């Protein structure tokens, strides 16, 4: 846990708070680059449940056996979502992130078949249209991370009619972006 490395809970909360206060993308990526080695321990100290909850929703929404589904984990970070996906039988996992250091951590977890460096909002996803059975983005759809303007790009790489799971409860996700999302989460 975070305390094992000398940080107490208030230090972890301060670090996470600091990450939310950075809106400049370059500064945010530098911050995550420095945070990458300790990220998992820090969010575990706060009992971060978003990856598990997102995978719960996906498991209910996606038809067919999980092992056959090709999943894209957007802003994959260190691989927390991949760990939850694998625990539920999802084995074909691709990840993208804008931080090379986070991708190194994700590579080390050994759960992804393919990882790509991609800064959404600045460049398109490195995948053809209609590639993925589901697209997940957990905890990263906000100013200074993955902008809401990237949602059409997430939908582009999802197979038509398949789940694309942005956090629709987010205050940074305007209701105007709900139009056109044909997913269980947008209904």
N, C-alpha and C. Protein backbone atom coordinates (compact mmCIF):
# COMPACT_ATOMS: atom_id res chain seq x y z
N UNK A 1 0.83 -1.18 0.00
CA UNK A 1 0.00 0.00 0.00
C UNK A 1 0.88 1.25 0.00
N UNK A 2 0.23 2.39 -0.10
CA UNK A 2 0.98 3.64 -0.18
C UNK A 2 1.79 3.90 1.09
N UNK A 3 1.28 3.46 2.24
CA UNK A 3 2.00 3.70 3.47
C UNK A 3 3.33 2.97 3.50
N UNK A 4 3.45 1.83 2.81
CA UNK A 4 4.69 1.08 2.77
C UNK A 4 5.82 1.88 2.14
N UNK A 5 5.50 2.81 1.27
CA UNK A 5 6.52 3.63 0.62
C UNK A 5 6.69 4.96 1.33
N UNK A 6 6.12 5.10 2.52
CA UNK A 6 6.31 6.30 3.31
C UNK A 6 5.25 7.38 3.13
N UNK A 7 4.25 7.17 2.29
CA UNK A 7 3.19 8.16 2.12
C UNK A 7 2.00 7.75 2.97
N UNK A 8 1.45 8.72 3.66
CA UNK A 8 0.24 8.43 4.41
C UNK A 8 -0.97 8.80 3.56
N UNK A 9 -2.15 8.53 4.07
CA UNK A 9 -3.37 8.74 3.30
C UNK A 9 -3.53 10.20 2.87
N UNK A 10 -3.19 11.13 3.73
CA UNK A 10 -3.34 12.54 3.36
C UNK A 10 -2.38 12.92 2.23
N UNK A 11 -1.20 12.32 2.19
CA UNK A 11 -0.27 12.57 1.09
C UNK A 11 -0.80 12.01 -0.23
N UNK A 12 -1.41 10.83 -0.15
CA UNK A 12 -2.01 10.23 -1.35
C UNK A 12 -3.16 11.10 -1.84
N UNK A 13 -4.01 11.55 -0.93
CA UNK A 13 -5.12 12.42 -1.31
C UNK A 13 -4.62 13.72 -1.93
N UNK A 14 -3.55 14.27 -1.39
CA UNK A 14 -2.98 15.50 -1.94
C UNK A 14 -2.44 15.27 -3.35
N UNK A 15 -1.81 14.12 -3.57
CA UNK A 15 -1.27 13.82 -4.91
C UNK A 15 -2.41 13.68 -5.92
N UNK A 16 -3.45 12.98 -5.54
CA UNK A 16 -4.58 12.80 -6.44
C UNK A 16 -5.28 14.14 -6.67
N UNK A 17 -5.42 14.94 -5.63
CA UNK A 17 -6.00 16.27 -5.79
C UNK A 17 -5.18 17.12 -6.74
N UNK A 18 -3.86 17.03 -6.61
CA UNK A 18 -2.98 17.79 -7.51
C UNK A 18 -3.18 17.37 -8.95
N UNK A 19 -3.39 16.09 -9.19
CA UNK A 19 -3.60 15.62 -10.57
C UNK A 19 -4.87 16.22 -11.16
N UNK A 20 -5.89 16.38 -10.33
CA UNK A 20 -7.16 16.93 -10.82
C UNK A 20 -7.08 18.43 -11.07
N UNK A 21 -6.10 19.08 -10.49
CA UNK A 21 -5.96 20.53 -10.67
C UNK A 21 -5.14 20.92 -11.89
N UNK A 22 -4.60 19.95 -12.60
CA UNK A 22 -3.78 20.24 -13.79
C UNK A 22 -4.67 20.10 -15.02
N UNK A 23 -4.87 21.19 -15.74
CA UNK A 23 -5.69 21.15 -16.95
C UNK A 23 -4.87 21.18 -18.23
N UNK A 24 -3.62 21.56 -18.15
CA UNK A 24 -2.75 21.58 -19.32
C UNK A 24 -2.30 20.15 -19.63
N UNK A 25 -2.54 19.70 -20.85
CA UNK A 25 -2.26 18.31 -21.22
C UNK A 25 -0.79 17.94 -21.05
N UNK A 26 0.13 18.77 -21.51
CA UNK A 26 1.55 18.44 -21.38
C UNK A 26 1.96 18.31 -19.92
N UNK A 27 1.49 19.23 -19.08
CA UNK A 27 1.81 19.14 -17.65
C UNK A 27 1.17 17.91 -17.02
N UNK A 28 -0.05 17.58 -17.46
CA UNK A 28 -0.74 16.40 -16.93
C UNK A 28 0.04 15.14 -17.28
N UNK A 29 0.51 15.02 -18.53
CA UNK A 29 1.27 13.84 -18.94
C UNK A 29 2.59 13.74 -18.18
N UNK A 30 3.25 14.86 -17.94
CA UNK A 30 4.48 14.85 -17.14
C UNK A 30 4.18 14.40 -15.71
N UNK A 31 3.08 14.88 -15.15
CA UNK A 31 2.68 14.49 -13.80
C UNK A 31 2.46 12.98 -13.73
N UNK A 32 1.70 12.45 -14.69
CA UNK A 32 1.44 11.00 -14.70
C UNK A 32 2.72 10.21 -14.94
N UNK A 33 3.63 10.75 -15.72
CA UNK A 33 4.91 10.08 -15.93
C UNK A 33 5.68 9.92 -14.63
N UNK A 34 5.68 10.95 -13.81
CA UNK A 34 6.37 10.87 -12.51
C UNK A 34 5.61 9.97 -11.54
N UNK A 35 4.30 9.93 -11.66
CA UNK A 35 3.44 9.18 -10.75
C UNK A 35 3.38 7.68 -11.09
N UNK A 36 3.68 7.31 -12.30
CA UNK A 36 3.48 5.94 -12.80
C UNK A 36 3.99 4.85 -11.85
N UNK A 37 5.22 4.94 -11.31
CA UNK A 37 5.70 3.85 -10.46
C UNK A 37 4.89 3.64 -9.17
N UNK A 38 4.22 4.68 -8.69
CA UNK A 38 3.48 4.60 -7.43
C UNK A 38 1.97 4.65 -7.60
N UNK A 39 1.51 4.77 -8.83
CA UNK A 39 0.09 5.01 -9.09
C UNK A 39 -0.79 3.92 -8.48
N UNK A 40 -0.50 2.66 -8.75
CA UNK A 40 -1.35 1.57 -8.27
C UNK A 40 -1.46 1.58 -6.75
N UNK A 41 -0.35 1.77 -6.06
CA UNK A 41 -0.37 1.79 -4.61
C UNK A 41 -1.19 2.97 -4.09
N UNK A 42 -1.06 4.11 -4.74
CA UNK A 42 -1.79 5.28 -4.29
C UNK A 42 -3.30 5.11 -4.46
N UNK A 43 -3.74 4.65 -5.61
CA UNK A 43 -5.19 4.51 -5.80
C UNK A 43 -5.75 3.35 -4.98
N UNK A 44 -4.94 2.34 -4.71
CA UNK A 44 -5.38 1.24 -3.84
C UNK A 44 -5.61 1.75 -2.42
N UNK A 45 -4.79 2.69 -1.97
CA UNK A 45 -4.94 3.25 -0.63
C UNK A 45 -6.29 3.95 -0.49
N UNK A 46 -6.83 4.44 -1.59
CA UNK A 46 -8.13 5.11 -1.58
C UNK A 46 -9.27 4.17 -1.95
N UNK A 47 -8.97 2.90 -2.13
CA UNK A 47 -9.97 1.90 -2.51
C UNK A 47 -10.72 2.32 -3.77
N UNK A 48 -9.95 2.68 -4.79
CA UNK A 48 -10.48 3.12 -6.09
C UNK A 48 -11.23 1.98 -6.74
N UNK A 49 -12.53 2.15 -6.96
CA UNK A 49 -13.37 1.07 -7.46
C UNK A 49 -13.83 1.24 -8.90
N UNK A 50 -13.49 2.35 -9.53
CA UNK A 50 -13.99 2.63 -10.88
C UNK A 50 -13.68 1.52 -11.88
N UNK A 51 -12.46 0.95 -11.91
CA UNK A 51 -12.21 -0.13 -12.87
C UNK A 51 -13.16 -1.32 -12.67
N UNK A 52 -13.38 -1.71 -11.43
CA UNK A 52 -14.27 -2.85 -11.17
C UNK A 52 -15.70 -2.53 -11.57
N UNK A 53 -16.16 -1.33 -11.26
CA UNK A 53 -17.53 -0.95 -11.60
C UNK A 53 -17.73 -0.87 -13.11
N UNK A 54 -16.75 -0.34 -13.83
CA UNK A 54 -16.85 -0.26 -15.29
C UNK A 54 -16.91 -1.66 -15.91
N UNK A 55 -16.08 -2.57 -15.39
CA UNK A 55 -16.08 -3.93 -15.92
C UNK A 55 -17.37 -4.66 -15.54
N UNK A 56 -17.94 -4.36 -14.38
CA UNK A 56 -19.25 -4.91 -14.02
C UNK A 56 -20.28 -4.52 -15.09
N UNK A 57 -20.30 -3.24 -15.46
CA UNK A 57 -21.24 -2.77 -16.49
C UNK A 57 -20.99 -3.45 -17.83
N UNK A 58 -19.73 -3.55 -18.21
CA UNK A 58 -19.39 -4.18 -19.48
C UNK A 58 -19.82 -5.63 -19.50
N UNK A 59 -19.58 -6.34 -18.43
CA UNK A 59 -19.92 -7.76 -18.35
C UNK A 59 -21.42 -7.97 -18.57
N UNK A 60 -22.23 -7.06 -18.03
CA UNK A 60 -23.68 -7.16 -18.19
C UNK A 60 -24.14 -6.77 -19.60
N UNK A 61 -23.42 -5.86 -20.24
CA UNK A 61 -23.87 -5.31 -21.52
C UNK A 61 -23.38 -6.07 -22.74
N UNK A 62 -22.26 -6.73 -22.62
CA UNK A 62 -21.64 -7.34 -23.80
C UNK A 62 -22.15 -8.77 -23.99
N UNK A 63 -22.78 -9.04 -25.13
CA UNK A 63 -23.24 -10.40 -25.38
C UNK A 63 -22.07 -11.31 -25.76
N UNK A 64 -22.26 -12.57 -25.58
CA UNK A 64 -21.23 -13.53 -25.99
C UNK A 64 -20.19 -13.77 -24.91
N UNK A 65 -19.37 -14.77 -25.15
CA UNK A 65 -18.35 -15.11 -24.16
C UNK A 65 -17.28 -14.02 -24.07
N UNK A 66 -16.85 -13.69 -22.86
CA UNK A 66 -15.87 -12.61 -22.71
C UNK A 66 -14.53 -12.91 -23.38
N UNK A 67 -14.13 -14.17 -23.42
CA UNK A 67 -12.81 -14.49 -24.00
C UNK A 67 -12.74 -14.19 -25.49
N UNK A 68 -13.90 -14.08 -26.15
CA UNK A 68 -13.92 -13.81 -27.59
C UNK A 68 -13.97 -12.32 -27.92
N UNK A 69 -14.20 -11.48 -26.92
CA UNK A 69 -14.37 -10.04 -27.16
C UNK A 69 -13.02 -9.33 -27.23
N UNK A 70 -12.88 -8.46 -28.22
CA UNK A 70 -11.70 -7.61 -28.36
C UNK A 70 -12.02 -6.26 -27.71
N UNK A 71 -11.28 -5.92 -26.65
CA UNK A 71 -11.56 -4.75 -25.83
C UNK A 71 -10.45 -3.72 -25.98
N UNK A 72 -10.83 -2.45 -26.11
CA UNK A 72 -9.87 -1.35 -26.08
C UNK A 72 -10.01 -0.61 -24.76
N UNK A 73 -8.93 -0.52 -24.02
CA UNK A 73 -8.85 0.21 -22.77
C UNK A 73 -8.16 1.55 -23.07
N UNK A 74 -8.95 2.62 -23.12
CA UNK A 74 -8.45 3.96 -23.46
C UNK A 74 -7.97 4.64 -22.18
N UNK A 75 -6.81 5.29 -22.25
CA UNK A 75 -6.16 5.88 -21.08
C UNK A 75 -5.91 4.76 -20.07
N UNK A 76 -5.29 3.70 -20.56
CA UNK A 76 -5.14 2.46 -19.79
C UNK A 76 -4.24 2.60 -18.58
N UNK A 77 -3.42 3.63 -18.54
CA UNK A 77 -2.56 3.82 -17.38
C UNK A 77 -1.70 2.61 -17.10
N UNK A 78 -1.74 2.16 -15.87
CA UNK A 78 -0.90 1.05 -15.43
C UNK A 78 -1.50 -0.32 -15.68
N UNK A 79 -2.77 -0.37 -16.09
CA UNK A 79 -3.41 -1.65 -16.36
C UNK A 79 -4.42 -2.08 -15.32
N UNK A 80 -4.91 -1.17 -14.50
CA UNK A 80 -5.90 -1.54 -13.48
C UNK A 80 -7.17 -2.11 -14.09
N UNK A 81 -7.63 -1.51 -15.19
CA UNK A 81 -8.84 -2.01 -15.86
C UNK A 81 -8.56 -3.38 -16.47
N UNK A 82 -7.38 -3.57 -17.04
CA UNK A 82 -7.03 -4.86 -17.63
C UNK A 82 -7.05 -5.97 -16.59
N UNK A 83 -6.61 -5.69 -15.39
CA UNK A 83 -6.63 -6.70 -14.32
C UNK A 83 -8.06 -7.12 -14.02
N UNK A 84 -8.97 -6.15 -13.97
CA UNK A 84 -10.39 -6.47 -13.74
C UNK A 84 -10.98 -7.23 -14.92
N UNK A 85 -10.62 -6.81 -16.13
CA UNK A 85 -11.12 -7.50 -17.32
C UNK A 85 -10.66 -8.95 -17.35
N UNK A 86 -9.39 -9.18 -17.10
CA UNK A 86 -8.87 -10.54 -17.13
C UNK A 86 -9.53 -11.41 -16.06
N UNK A 87 -9.77 -10.84 -14.90
CA UNK A 87 -10.42 -11.59 -13.82
C UNK A 87 -11.83 -12.04 -14.22
N UNK A 88 -12.45 -11.35 -15.17
CA UNK A 88 -13.79 -11.71 -15.64
C UNK A 88 -13.76 -12.51 -16.93
N UNK A 89 -12.57 -12.90 -17.38
CA UNK A 89 -12.47 -13.75 -18.56
C UNK A 89 -12.22 -13.03 -19.86
N UNK A 90 -12.07 -11.72 -19.83
CA UNK A 90 -11.73 -10.96 -21.04
C UNK A 90 -10.22 -11.09 -21.27
N UNK A 91 -9.84 -11.65 -22.39
CA UNK A 91 -8.43 -11.97 -22.62
C UNK A 91 -7.80 -11.22 -23.79
N UNK A 92 -8.61 -10.63 -24.66
CA UNK A 92 -8.09 -9.91 -25.83
C UNK A 92 -8.14 -8.41 -25.56
N UNK A 93 -7.06 -7.91 -24.99
CA UNK A 93 -7.04 -6.54 -24.51
C UNK A 93 -6.01 -5.70 -25.23
N UNK A 94 -6.45 -4.56 -25.71
CA UNK A 94 -5.56 -3.55 -26.28
C UNK A 94 -5.67 -2.31 -25.40
N UNK A 95 -4.56 -1.59 -25.26
CA UNK A 95 -4.57 -0.38 -24.45
C UNK A 95 -3.89 0.76 -25.15
N UNK A 96 -4.37 1.97 -24.87
CA UNK A 96 -3.72 3.19 -25.36
C UNK A 96 -3.61 4.16 -24.19
N UNK A 97 -2.53 4.93 -24.19
CA UNK A 97 -2.33 5.95 -23.17
C UNK A 97 -1.41 7.01 -23.73
N UNK A 98 -1.49 8.21 -23.20
CA UNK A 98 -0.64 9.30 -23.64
C UNK A 98 0.67 9.40 -22.90
N UNK A 99 0.84 8.59 -21.85
CA UNK A 99 2.05 8.64 -21.03
C UNK A 99 2.93 7.42 -21.30
N UNK A 100 4.13 7.62 -21.83
CA UNK A 100 5.03 6.48 -22.05
C UNK A 100 5.35 5.73 -20.75
N UNK A 101 5.47 6.46 -19.66
CA UNK A 101 5.79 5.82 -18.38
C UNK A 101 4.64 4.96 -17.88
N UNK A 102 3.42 5.42 -18.07
CA UNK A 102 2.26 4.60 -17.70
C UNK A 102 2.20 3.35 -18.58
N UNK A 103 2.50 3.51 -19.87
CA UNK A 103 2.50 2.34 -20.77
C UNK A 103 3.56 1.33 -20.36
N UNK A 104 4.70 1.78 -19.83
CA UNK A 104 5.71 0.84 -19.34
C UNK A 104 5.16 0.02 -18.19
N UNK A 105 4.41 0.65 -17.30
CA UNK A 105 3.78 -0.07 -16.19
C UNK A 105 2.74 -1.06 -16.73
N UNK A 106 1.96 -0.62 -17.71
CA UNK A 106 0.95 -1.50 -18.31
C UNK A 106 1.60 -2.70 -18.99
N UNK A 107 2.71 -2.46 -19.68
CA UNK A 107 3.45 -3.55 -20.33
C UNK A 107 3.93 -4.55 -19.30
N UNK A 108 4.40 -4.05 -18.17
CA UNK A 108 4.93 -4.92 -17.11
C UNK A 108 3.84 -5.80 -16.50
N UNK A 109 2.58 -5.36 -16.54
CA UNK A 109 1.52 -6.20 -15.96
C UNK A 109 1.23 -7.41 -16.85
N UNK A 110 1.62 -7.35 -18.13
CA UNK A 110 1.53 -8.51 -19.01
C UNK A 110 0.14 -8.93 -19.42
N UNK A 111 -0.84 -8.05 -19.33
CA UNK A 111 -2.22 -8.41 -19.63
C UNK A 111 -2.70 -7.96 -21.01
N UNK A 112 -1.97 -7.07 -21.63
CA UNK A 112 -2.38 -6.53 -22.93
C UNK A 112 -1.69 -7.25 -24.07
N UNK A 113 -2.43 -7.50 -25.15
CA UNK A 113 -1.85 -8.07 -26.35
C UNK A 113 -1.19 -6.98 -27.20
N UNK A 114 -1.67 -5.74 -27.03
CA UNK A 114 -1.13 -4.63 -27.81
C UNK A 114 -1.30 -3.33 -27.02
N UNK A 115 -0.23 -2.54 -26.97
CA UNK A 115 -0.27 -1.23 -26.32
C UNK A 115 0.24 -0.17 -27.30
N UNK A 116 -0.39 1.00 -27.27
CA UNK A 116 0.00 2.10 -28.17
C UNK A 116 0.05 3.41 -27.41
N UNK A 117 1.03 4.21 -27.77
CA UNK A 117 1.11 5.58 -27.27
C UNK A 117 0.20 6.44 -28.15
N UNK A 118 -0.77 7.08 -27.53
CA UNK A 118 -1.72 7.90 -28.28
C UNK A 118 -2.28 8.96 -27.35
N UNK A 119 -2.26 10.19 -27.81
CA UNK A 119 -2.83 11.29 -27.03
C UNK A 119 -4.14 11.69 -27.68
N UNK A 120 -5.23 11.15 -27.15
CA UNK A 120 -6.55 11.44 -27.72
C UNK A 120 -6.87 12.91 -27.58
N UNK A 121 -7.52 13.42 -28.58
CA UNK A 121 -7.78 14.85 -28.66
C UNK A 121 -6.71 15.55 -29.47
N UNK A 122 -5.54 14.91 -29.58
CA UNK A 122 -4.43 15.44 -30.37
C UNK A 122 -4.21 14.61 -31.63
N UNK A 123 -4.59 13.33 -31.56
CA UNK A 123 -4.35 12.41 -32.68
C UNK A 123 -5.42 11.31 -32.65
N UNK A 124 -5.67 10.66 -33.78
CA UNK A 124 -6.67 9.59 -33.80
C UNK A 124 -6.13 8.31 -33.16
N UNK A 125 -7.04 7.46 -32.77
CA UNK A 125 -6.64 6.15 -32.26
C UNK A 125 -5.98 5.36 -33.39
N UNK A 126 -4.97 4.56 -33.06
CA UNK A 126 -4.25 3.80 -34.10
C UNK A 126 -4.94 2.49 -34.46
N UNK A 127 -6.24 2.56 -34.71
CA UNK A 127 -7.02 1.36 -35.05
C UNK A 127 -8.03 1.70 -36.13
N UNK A 128 -8.32 0.72 -36.99
CA UNK A 128 -9.33 0.95 -38.03
C UNK A 128 -10.73 1.08 -37.44
N UNK A 129 -11.61 1.64 -38.22
CA UNK A 129 -13.01 1.78 -37.84
C UNK A 129 -13.62 0.41 -37.55
N UNK A 130 -14.45 0.34 -36.51
CA UNK A 130 -15.20 -0.87 -36.20
C UNK A 130 -14.35 -2.05 -35.73
N UNK A 131 -13.25 -1.80 -35.08
CA UNK A 131 -12.34 -2.87 -34.66
C UNK A 131 -12.77 -3.58 -33.39
N UNK A 132 -13.25 -2.84 -32.40
CA UNK A 132 -13.39 -3.38 -31.04
C UNK A 132 -14.82 -3.73 -30.68
N UNK A 133 -14.96 -4.82 -29.92
CA UNK A 133 -16.26 -5.22 -29.41
C UNK A 133 -16.72 -4.29 -28.29
N UNK A 134 -15.78 -3.66 -27.61
CA UNK A 134 -16.11 -2.68 -26.57
C UNK A 134 -14.92 -1.74 -26.39
N UNK A 135 -15.25 -0.50 -26.05
CA UNK A 135 -14.24 0.52 -25.77
C UNK A 135 -14.53 1.06 -24.37
N UNK A 136 -13.54 1.00 -23.51
CA UNK A 136 -13.67 1.50 -22.14
C UNK A 136 -12.74 2.68 -21.92
N UNK A 137 -13.23 3.67 -21.20
CA UNK A 137 -12.38 4.76 -20.71
C UNK A 137 -12.83 5.02 -19.28
N UNK A 138 -11.93 4.79 -18.35
CA UNK A 138 -12.28 4.84 -16.93
C UNK A 138 -11.46 5.94 -16.25
N UNK A 139 -12.14 6.95 -15.75
CA UNK A 139 -11.50 7.98 -14.95
C UNK A 139 -10.66 8.98 -15.71
N UNK A 140 -10.81 9.07 -17.02
CA UNK A 140 -9.92 9.95 -17.78
C UNK A 140 -10.63 10.90 -18.73
N UNK A 141 -11.94 10.88 -18.78
CA UNK A 141 -12.66 11.75 -19.70
C UNK A 141 -12.90 13.09 -19.01
N UNK A 142 -11.96 14.01 -19.20
CA UNK A 142 -12.06 15.32 -18.54
C UNK A 142 -11.09 16.29 -19.19
N UNK A 143 -11.27 17.57 -18.88
CA UNK A 143 -10.34 18.57 -19.37
C UNK A 143 -8.94 18.24 -18.88
N UNK A 144 -7.97 18.37 -19.75
CA UNK A 144 -6.58 18.09 -19.37
C UNK A 144 -6.21 16.63 -19.46
N UNK A 145 -7.15 15.76 -19.80
CA UNK A 145 -6.86 14.35 -20.02
C UNK A 145 -7.39 13.98 -21.40
N UNK A 146 -8.43 13.20 -21.45
CA UNK A 146 -9.07 12.89 -22.73
C UNK A 146 -10.30 13.81 -22.84
N UNK A 147 -10.29 14.74 -23.78
CA UNK A 147 -11.41 15.68 -23.89
C UNK A 147 -12.67 15.01 -24.43
N UNK A 148 -13.81 15.57 -24.07
CA UNK A 148 -15.08 15.04 -24.56
C UNK A 148 -15.15 15.05 -26.08
N UNK A 149 -14.39 15.93 -26.71
CA UNK A 149 -14.38 15.99 -28.17
C UNK A 149 -13.81 14.72 -28.79
N UNK A 150 -13.19 13.85 -27.98
CA UNK A 150 -12.63 12.59 -28.49
C UNK A 150 -13.67 11.47 -28.56
N UNK A 151 -14.87 11.70 -28.05
CA UNK A 151 -15.89 10.64 -28.04
C UNK A 151 -16.19 10.10 -29.44
N UNK A 152 -16.33 10.94 -30.47
CA UNK A 152 -16.54 10.36 -31.80
C UNK A 152 -15.42 9.41 -32.22
N UNK A 153 -14.21 9.68 -31.80
CA UNK A 153 -13.08 8.79 -32.12
C UNK A 153 -13.22 7.45 -31.39
N UNK A 154 -13.71 7.47 -30.16
CA UNK A 154 -13.96 6.22 -29.42
C UNK A 154 -15.03 5.40 -30.13
N UNK A 155 -16.09 6.09 -30.56
CA UNK A 155 -17.17 5.41 -31.27
C UNK A 155 -16.71 4.88 -32.62
N UNK A 156 -15.80 5.58 -33.27
CA UNK A 156 -15.30 5.16 -34.59
C UNK A 156 -14.66 3.78 -34.52
N UNK A 157 -13.89 3.50 -33.48
CA UNK A 157 -13.17 2.23 -33.42
C UNK A 157 -14.00 1.10 -32.82
N UNK A 158 -15.16 1.43 -32.25
CA UNK A 158 -16.06 0.40 -31.73
C UNK A 158 -16.89 -0.17 -32.87
N UNK A 159 -17.15 -1.46 -32.82
CA UNK A 159 -18.06 -2.05 -33.79
C UNK A 159 -19.43 -1.41 -33.64
N UNK A 160 -20.15 -1.20 -34.73
CA UNK A 160 -21.46 -0.56 -34.64
C UNK A 160 -22.38 -1.30 -33.67
N UNK A 161 -23.00 -0.54 -32.78
CA UNK A 161 -23.94 -1.11 -31.82
C UNK A 161 -23.29 -1.73 -30.60
N UNK A 162 -21.98 -1.71 -30.51
CA UNK A 162 -21.30 -2.31 -29.36
C UNK A 162 -21.03 -1.25 -28.29
N UNK A 163 -20.78 -1.71 -27.07
CA UNK A 163 -20.60 -0.76 -25.96
C UNK A 163 -19.37 0.13 -26.10
N UNK A 164 -19.61 1.39 -25.83
CA UNK A 164 -18.54 2.38 -25.69
C UNK A 164 -18.86 3.10 -24.39
N UNK A 165 -18.05 2.91 -23.39
CA UNK A 165 -18.40 3.30 -22.04
C UNK A 165 -17.65 4.52 -21.54
N UNK A 166 -18.16 5.73 -21.85
CA UNK A 166 -17.63 6.90 -21.16
C UNK A 166 -18.39 7.09 -19.85
N UNK A 167 -17.80 7.75 -18.88
CA UNK A 167 -18.48 7.97 -17.60
C UNK A 167 -19.52 9.07 -17.72
N UNK A 168 -20.74 8.70 -18.01
CA UNK A 168 -21.77 9.69 -18.31
C UNK A 168 -22.20 10.49 -17.09
N UNK A 169 -21.78 10.10 -15.91
CA UNK A 169 -22.12 10.84 -14.70
C UNK A 169 -21.14 11.99 -14.44
N UNK A 170 -20.11 12.08 -15.22
CA UNK A 170 -19.05 13.06 -14.99
C UNK A 170 -19.54 14.48 -15.23
N UNK A 171 -19.19 15.41 -14.32
CA UNK A 171 -19.58 16.80 -14.54
C UNK A 171 -18.90 17.42 -15.76
N UNK A 172 -17.82 16.81 -16.25
CA UNK A 172 -17.15 17.35 -17.43
C UNK A 172 -17.69 16.74 -18.71
N UNK A 173 -18.69 15.89 -18.61
CA UNK A 173 -19.28 15.26 -19.78
C UNK A 173 -20.62 15.94 -20.05
N UNK A 174 -20.65 16.94 -20.94
CA UNK A 174 -21.88 17.69 -21.18
C UNK A 174 -22.99 16.82 -21.74
N UNK A 175 -24.22 17.15 -21.36
CA UNK A 175 -25.35 16.35 -21.83
C UNK A 175 -25.48 16.39 -23.34
N UNK A 176 -24.96 17.42 -23.99
CA UNK A 176 -25.02 17.50 -25.45
C UNK A 176 -24.23 16.37 -26.11
N UNK A 177 -23.28 15.78 -25.41
CA UNK A 177 -22.50 14.68 -25.97
C UNK A 177 -23.24 13.34 -25.90
N UNK A 178 -24.37 13.30 -25.18
CA UNK A 178 -25.13 12.06 -25.09
C UNK A 178 -25.77 11.71 -26.43
N UNK A 179 -26.09 12.71 -27.24
CA UNK A 179 -26.72 12.49 -28.53
C UNK A 179 -25.82 11.63 -29.41
N UNK A 180 -26.39 10.58 -29.94
CA UNK A 180 -25.64 9.73 -30.86
C UNK A 180 -24.95 8.56 -30.19
N UNK A 181 -24.94 8.51 -28.87
CA UNK A 181 -24.35 7.34 -28.21
C UNK A 181 -25.42 6.26 -28.12
N UNK A 182 -25.25 5.19 -28.84
CA UNK A 182 -26.22 4.11 -28.81
C UNK A 182 -25.65 2.97 -27.98
N UNK A 183 -25.54 3.23 -26.70
CA UNK A 183 -24.96 2.24 -25.80
C UNK A 183 -25.85 2.06 -24.60
N UNK A 184 -25.69 0.97 -23.87
CA UNK A 184 -26.49 0.78 -22.66
C UNK A 184 -26.28 1.90 -21.65
N UNK A 185 -25.11 2.54 -21.66
CA UNK A 185 -24.82 3.58 -20.67
C UNK A 185 -25.46 4.90 -21.05
N UNK A 186 -25.86 5.09 -22.28
CA UNK A 186 -26.40 6.37 -22.71
C UNK A 186 -27.92 6.39 -22.70
N UNK A 187 -28.53 5.28 -22.41
CA UNK A 187 -30.00 5.21 -22.46
C UNK A 187 -30.61 5.76 -21.19
